[in-house]
Amino acid sequence: MKPAMVLCGILAALDTLGVIGRIVANGFSTSLIAQAIVSRLIFYGSLKVHQSSKQ
């Protein structure tokens, strides 16, 4: 094993971990955004139902 090959292997492993981490982070943030949108829609929906039931 040459030092250069070892270094390349380590860099490749780190790069792969970085890509996986980015995918996980993107998935996490999109799910958070989706949860915020859904909760807001539910909130507005319940407000509308509440207003229409008062009339």
PDB file of N, CA and C in Angstrom:
ATOM      1  N   MET A   1       0.857  -1.200   0.000  1.00  0.00           N
ATOM      2  CA  MET A   1       0.000   0.000   0.000  1.00  0.00           C
ATOM      3  C   MET A   1       0.892   1.248   0.000  1.00  0.00           C
ATOM      4  N   LYS A   2       0.757   2.053  -1.018  1.00  0.00           N
ATOM      5  CA  LYS A   2       1.484   3.319  -1.068  1.00  0.00           C
ATOM      6  C   LYS A   2       0.719   4.377  -0.270  1.00  0.00           C
ATOM      7  N   PRO A   3       1.418   5.303   0.331  1.00  0.00           N
ATOM      8  CA  PRO A   3       0.749   6.369   1.094  1.00  0.00           C
ATOM      9  C   PRO A   3      -0.271   7.126   0.250  1.00  0.00           C
ATOM     10  N   ALA A   4       0.023   7.341  -1.036  1.00  0.00           N
ATOM     11  CA  ALA A   4      -0.904   8.065  -1.901  1.00  0.00           C
ATOM     12  C   ALA A   4      -2.206   7.293  -2.074  1.00  0.00           C
ATOM     13  N   MET A   5      -2.078   5.960  -2.217  1.00  0.00           N
ATOM     14  CA  MET A   5      -3.283   5.135  -2.372  1.00  0.00           C
ATOM     15  C   MET A   5      -4.124   5.165  -1.099  1.00  0.00           C
ATOM     16  N   VAL A   6      -3.465   5.097   0.040  1.00  0.00           N
ATOM     17  CA  VAL A   6      -4.166   5.143   1.327  1.00  0.00           C
ATOM     18  C   VAL A   6      -4.902   6.478   1.452  1.00  0.00           C
ATOM     19  N   LEU A   7      -4.206   7.561   1.082  1.00  0.00           N
ATOM     20  CA  LEU A   7      -4.802   8.892   1.160  1.00  0.00           C
ATOM     21  C   LEU A   7      -6.021   8.989   0.248  1.00  0.00           C
ATOM     22  N   CYS A   8      -5.896   8.456  -0.965  1.00  0.00           N
ATOM     23  CA  CYS A   8      -7.021   8.475  -1.911  1.00  0.00           C
ATOM     24  C   CYS A   8      -8.207   7.683  -1.352  1.00  0.00           C
ATOM     25  N   GLY A   9      -7.914   6.548  -0.745  1.00  0.00           N
ATOM     26  CA  GLY A   9      -8.972   5.733  -0.155  1.00  0.00           C
ATOM     27  C   GLY A   9      -9.689   6.468   0.966  1.00  0.00           C
ATOM     28  N   ILE A  10      -8.918   7.142   1.813  1.00  0.00           N
ATOM     29  CA  ILE A  10      -9.510   7.912   2.918  1.00  0.00           C
ATOM     30  C   ILE A  10     -10.359   9.049   2.374  1.00  0.00           C
ATOM     31  N   LEU A  11      -9.832   9.758   1.366  1.00  0.00           N
ATOM     32  CA  LEU A  11     -10.580  10.868   0.768  1.00  0.00           C
ATOM     33  C   LEU A  11     -11.872  10.377   0.116  1.00  0.00           C
ATOM     34  N   ALA A  12     -11.796   9.229  -0.565  1.00  0.00           N
ATOM     35  CA  ALA A  12     -12.989   8.665  -1.203  1.00  0.00           C
ATOM     36  C   ALA A  12     -14.034   8.293  -0.156  1.00  0.00           C
ATOM     37  N   ALA A  13     -13.593   7.699   0.954  1.00  0.00           N
ATOM     38  CA  ALA A  13     -14.507   7.322   2.035  1.00  0.00           C
ATOM     39  C   ALA A  13     -15.162   8.563   2.641  1.00  0.00           C
ATOM     40  N   LEU A  14     -14.356   9.605   2.872  1.00  0.00           N
ATOM     41  CA  LEU A  14     -14.883  10.854   3.434  1.00  0.00           C
ATOM     42  C   LEU A  14     -15.879  11.492   2.472  1.00  0.00           C
ATOM     43  N   ASP A  15     -15.555  11.454   1.173  1.00  0.00           N
ATOM     44  CA  ASP A  15     -16.441  12.027   0.163  1.00  0.00           C
ATOM     45  C   ASP A  15     -17.775  11.289   0.151  1.00  0.00           C
ATOM     46  N   THR A  16     -17.718   9.959   0.230  1.00  0.00           N
ATOM     47  CA  THR A  16     -18.943   9.153   0.255  1.00  0.00           C
ATOM     48  C   THR A  16     -19.780   9.482   1.485  1.00  0.00           C
ATOM     49  N   LEU A  17     -19.110   9.593   2.635  1.00  0.00           N
ATOM     50  CA  LEU A  17     -19.818   9.952   3.869  1.00  0.00           C
ATOM     51  C   LEU A  17     -20.456  11.333   3.739  1.00  0.00           C
ATOM     52  N   GLY A  18     -19.725  12.264   3.113  1.00  0.00           N
ATOM     53  CA  GLY A  18     -20.252  13.615   2.927  1.00  0.00           C
ATOM     54  C   GLY A  18     -21.491  13.617   2.054  1.00  0.00           C
ATOM     55  N   VAL A  19     -21.457  12.811   0.979  1.00  0.00           N
ATOM     56  CA  VAL A  19     -22.613  12.727   0.081  1.00  0.00           C
ATOM     57  C   VAL A  19     -23.808  12.140   0.816  1.00  0.00           C
ATOM     58  N   ILE A  20     -23.580  11.053   1.566  1.00  0.00           N
ATOM     59  CA  ILE A  20     -24.661  10.429   2.342  1.00  0.00           C
ATOM     60  C   ILE A  20     -25.215  11.431   3.353  1.00  0.00           C
ATOM     61  N   GLY A  21     -24.314  12.131   4.031  1.00  0.00           N
ATOM     62  CA  GLY A  21     -24.741  13.126   5.017  1.00  0.00           C
ATOM     63  C   GLY A  21     -25.580  14.221   4.386  1.00  0.00           C
ATOM     64  N   ARG A  22     -25.181  14.638   3.171  1.00  0.00           N
ATOM     65  CA  ARG A  22     -25.927  15.701   2.479  1.00  0.00           C
ATOM     66  C   ARG A  22     -27.322  15.215   2.104  1.00  0.00           C
ATOM     67  N   ILE A  23     -27.406  13.965   1.625  1.00  0.00           N
ATOM     68  CA  ILE A  23     -28.714  13.397   1.258  1.00  0.00           C
ATOM     69  C   ILE A  23     -29.608  13.323   2.495  1.00  0.00           C
ATOM     70  N   VAL A  24     -29.037  12.844   3.604  1.00  0.00           N
ATOM     71  CA  VAL A  24     -29.803  12.730   4.851  1.00  0.00           C
ATOM     72  C   VAL A  24     -30.257  14.110   5.325  1.00  0.00           C
ATOM     73  N   ALA A  25     -29.334  15.084   5.271  1.00  0.00           N
ATOM     74  CA  ALA A  25     -29.670  16.437   5.710  1.00  0.00           C
ATOM     75  C   ALA A  25     -30.761  17.048   4.825  1.00  0.00           C
ATOM     76  N   ASN A  26     -30.662  16.832   3.511  1.00  0.00           N
ATOM     77  CA  ASN A  26     -31.682  17.350   2.589  1.00  0.00           C
ATOM     78  C   ASN A  26     -33.031  16.695   2.873  1.00  0.00           C
ATOM     79  N   GLY A  27     -33.016  15.386   3.068  1.00  0.00           N
ATOM     80  CA  GLY A  27     -34.257  14.681   3.378  1.00  0.00           C
ATOM     81  C   GLY A  27     -34.865  15.188   4.674  1.00  0.00           C
ATOM     82  N   PHE A  28     -34.013  15.445   5.663  1.00  0.00           N
ATOM     83  CA  PHE A  28     -34.479  15.928   6.961  1.00  0.00           C
ATOM     84  C   PHE A  28     -35.103  17.310   6.828  1.00  0.00           C
ATOM     85  N   SER A  29     -34.427  18.215   6.102  1.00  0.00           N
ATOM     86  CA  SER A  29     -34.941  19.581   5.968  1.00  0.00           C
ATOM     87  C   SER A  29     -36.225  19.607   5.145  1.00  0.00           C
ATOM     88  N   THR A  30     -36.307  18.777   4.094  1.00  0.00           N
ATOM     89  CA  THR A  30     -37.532  18.765   3.288  1.00  0.00           C
ATOM     90  C   THR A  30     -38.689  18.200   4.101  1.00  0.00           C
ATOM     91  N   SER A  31     -38.422  17.197   4.954  1.00  0.00           N
ATOM     92  CA  SER A  31     -39.499  16.655   5.778  1.00  0.00           C
ATOM     93  C   SER A  31     -39.948  17.691   6.811  1.00  0.00           C
ATOM     94  N   LEU A  32     -39.009  18.495   7.326  1.00  0.00           N
ATOM     95  CA  LEU A  32     -39.367  19.560   8.265  1.00  0.00           C
ATOM     96  C   LEU A  32     -40.234  20.605   7.575  1.00  0.00           C
ATOM     97  N   ILE A  33     -39.861  20.975   6.332  1.00  0.00           N
ATOM     98  CA  ILE A  33     -40.644  21.949   5.567  1.00  0.00           C
ATOM     99  C   ILE A  33     -42.037  21.392   5.305  1.00  0.00           C
ATOM    100  N   ALA A  34     -42.098  20.117   4.921  1.00  0.00           N
ATOM    101  CA  ALA A  34     -43.385  19.481   4.653  1.00  0.00           C
ATOM    102  C   ALA A  34     -44.257  19.475   5.911  1.00  0.00           C
ATOM    103  N   GLN A  35     -43.654  19.173   7.065  1.00  0.00           N
ATOM    104  CA  GLN A  35     -44.407  19.168   8.323  1.00  0.00           C
ATOM    105  C   GLN A  35     -44.947  20.562   8.634  1.00  0.00           C
ATOM    106  N   ALA A  36     -44.128  21.595   8.381  1.00  0.00           N
ATOM    107  CA  ALA A  36     -44.556  22.967   8.649  1.00  0.00           C
ATOM    108  C   ALA A  36     -45.726  23.342   7.742  1.00  0.00           C
ATOM    109  N   ILE A  37     -45.638  22.969   6.462  1.00  0.00           N
ATOM    110  CA  ILE A  37     -46.711  23.279   5.510  1.00  0.00           C
ATOM    111  C   ILE A  37     -47.998  22.557   5.914  1.00  0.00           C
ATOM    112  N   VAL A  38     -47.871  21.267   6.237  1.00  0.00           N
ATOM    113  CA  VAL A  38     -49.048  20.478   6.618  1.00  0.00           C
ATOM    114  C   VAL A  38     -49.700  21.042   7.872  1.00  0.00           C
ATOM    115  N   SER A  39     -48.889  21.376   8.878  1.00  0.00           N
ATOM    116  CA  SER A  39     -49.455  21.902  10.125  1.00  0.00           C
ATOM    117  C   SER A  39     -50.138  23.249   9.886  1.00  0.00           C
ATOM    118  N   ARG A  40     -49.560  24.060   8.981  1.00  0.00           N
ATOM    119  CA  ARG A  40     -50.168  25.341   8.667  1.00  0.00           C
ATOM    120  C   ARG A  40     -51.499  25.155   7.934  1.00  0.00           C
ATOM    121  N   LEU A  41     -51.520  24.200   7.008  1.00  0.00           N
ATOM    122  CA  LEU A  41     -52.761  23.912   6.276  1.00  0.00           C
ATOM    123  C   LEU A  41     -53.844  23.430   7.235  1.00  0.00           C
ATOM    124  N   ILE A  42     -53.477  22.566   8.165  1.00  0.00           N
ATOM    125  CA  ILE A  42     -54.439  22.071   9.154  1.00  0.00           C
ATOM    126  C   ILE A  42     -54.946  23.228  10.011  1.00  0.00           C
ATOM    127  N   PHE A  43     -54.035  24.127  10.395  1.00  0.00           N
ATOM    128  CA  PHE A  43     -54.391  25.280  11.223  1.00  0.00           C
ATOM    129  C   PHE A  43     -55.380  26.175  10.479  1.00  0.00           C
ATOM    130  N   TYR A  44     -55.067  26.524   9.203  1.00  0.00           N
ATOM    131  CA  TYR A  44     -55.964  27.374   8.419  1.00  0.00           C
ATOM    132  C   TYR A  44     -57.292  26.669   8.159  1.00  0.00           C
ATOM    133  N   GLY A  45     -57.236  25.375   7.901  1.00  0.00           N
ATOM    134  CA  GLY A  45     -58.457  24.610   7.670  1.00  0.00           C
ATOM    135  C   GLY A  45     -59.363  24.628   8.891  1.00  0.00           C
ATOM    136  N   SER A  46     -58.797  24.442  10.067  1.00  0.00           N
ATOM    137  CA  SER A  46     -59.606  24.436  11.282  1.00  0.00           C
ATOM    138  C   SER A  46     -60.153  25.839  11.566  1.00  0.00           C
ATOM    139  N   LEU A  47     -59.396  26.881  11.223  1.00  0.00           N
ATOM    140  CA  LEU A  47     -59.883  28.256  11.378  1.00  0.00           C
ATOM    141  C   LEU A  47     -61.104  28.492  10.487  1.00  0.00           C
ATOM    142  N   LYS A  48     -60.993  28.043   9.235  1.00  0.00           N
ATOM    143  CA  LYS A  48     -62.099  28.223   8.290  1.00  0.00           C
ATOM    144  C   LYS A  48     -63.344  27.482   8.771  1.00  0.00           C
ATOM    145  N   VAL A  49     -63.152  26.257   9.221  1.00  0.00           N
ATOM    146  CA  VAL A  49     -64.280  25.467   9.732  1.00  0.00           C
ATOM    147  C   VAL A  49     -64.892  26.166  10.934  1.00  0.00           C
ATOM    148  N   HIS A  50     -64.049  26.689  11.807  1.00  0.00           N
ATOM    149  CA  HIS A  50     -64.511  27.372  13.020  1.00  0.00           C
ATOM    150  C   HIS A  50     -65.314  28.619  12.646  1.00  0.00           C
ATOM    151  N   GLN A  51     -64.821  29.409  11.680  1.00  0.00           N
ATOM    152  CA  GLN A  51     -65.520  30.628  11.265  1.00  0.00           C
ATOM    153  C   GLN A  51     -66.853  30.295  10.618  1.00  0.00           C
ATOM    154  N   SER A  52     -66.881  29.266   9.770  1.00  0.00           N
ATOM    155  CA  SER A  52     -68.121  28.933   9.068  1.00  0.00           C
ATOM    156  C   SER A  52     -69.144  28.321  10.032  1.00  0.00           C
ATOM    157  N   SER A  53     -68.682  27.657  11.085  1.00  0.00           N
ATOM    158  CA  SER A  53     -69.630  27.081  12.040  1.00  0.00           C
ATOM    159  C   SER A  53     -70.232  28.163  12.936  1.00  0.00           C
ATOM    160  N   LYS A  54     -69.546  29.289  13.099  1.00  0.00           N
ATOM    161  CA  LYS A  54     -70.077  30.381  13.917  1.00  0.00           C
ATOM    162  C   LYS A  54     -71.240  31.078  13.225  1.00  0.00           C
ATOM    163  N   GLN A  55     -71.161  31.174  11.887  1.00  0.00           N
ATOM    164  CA  GLN A  55     -72.199  31.907  11.153  1.00  0.00           C
ATOM    165  C   GLN A  55     -73.515  31.146  11.083  1.00  0.00           C
TER     166      GLN A  55
END
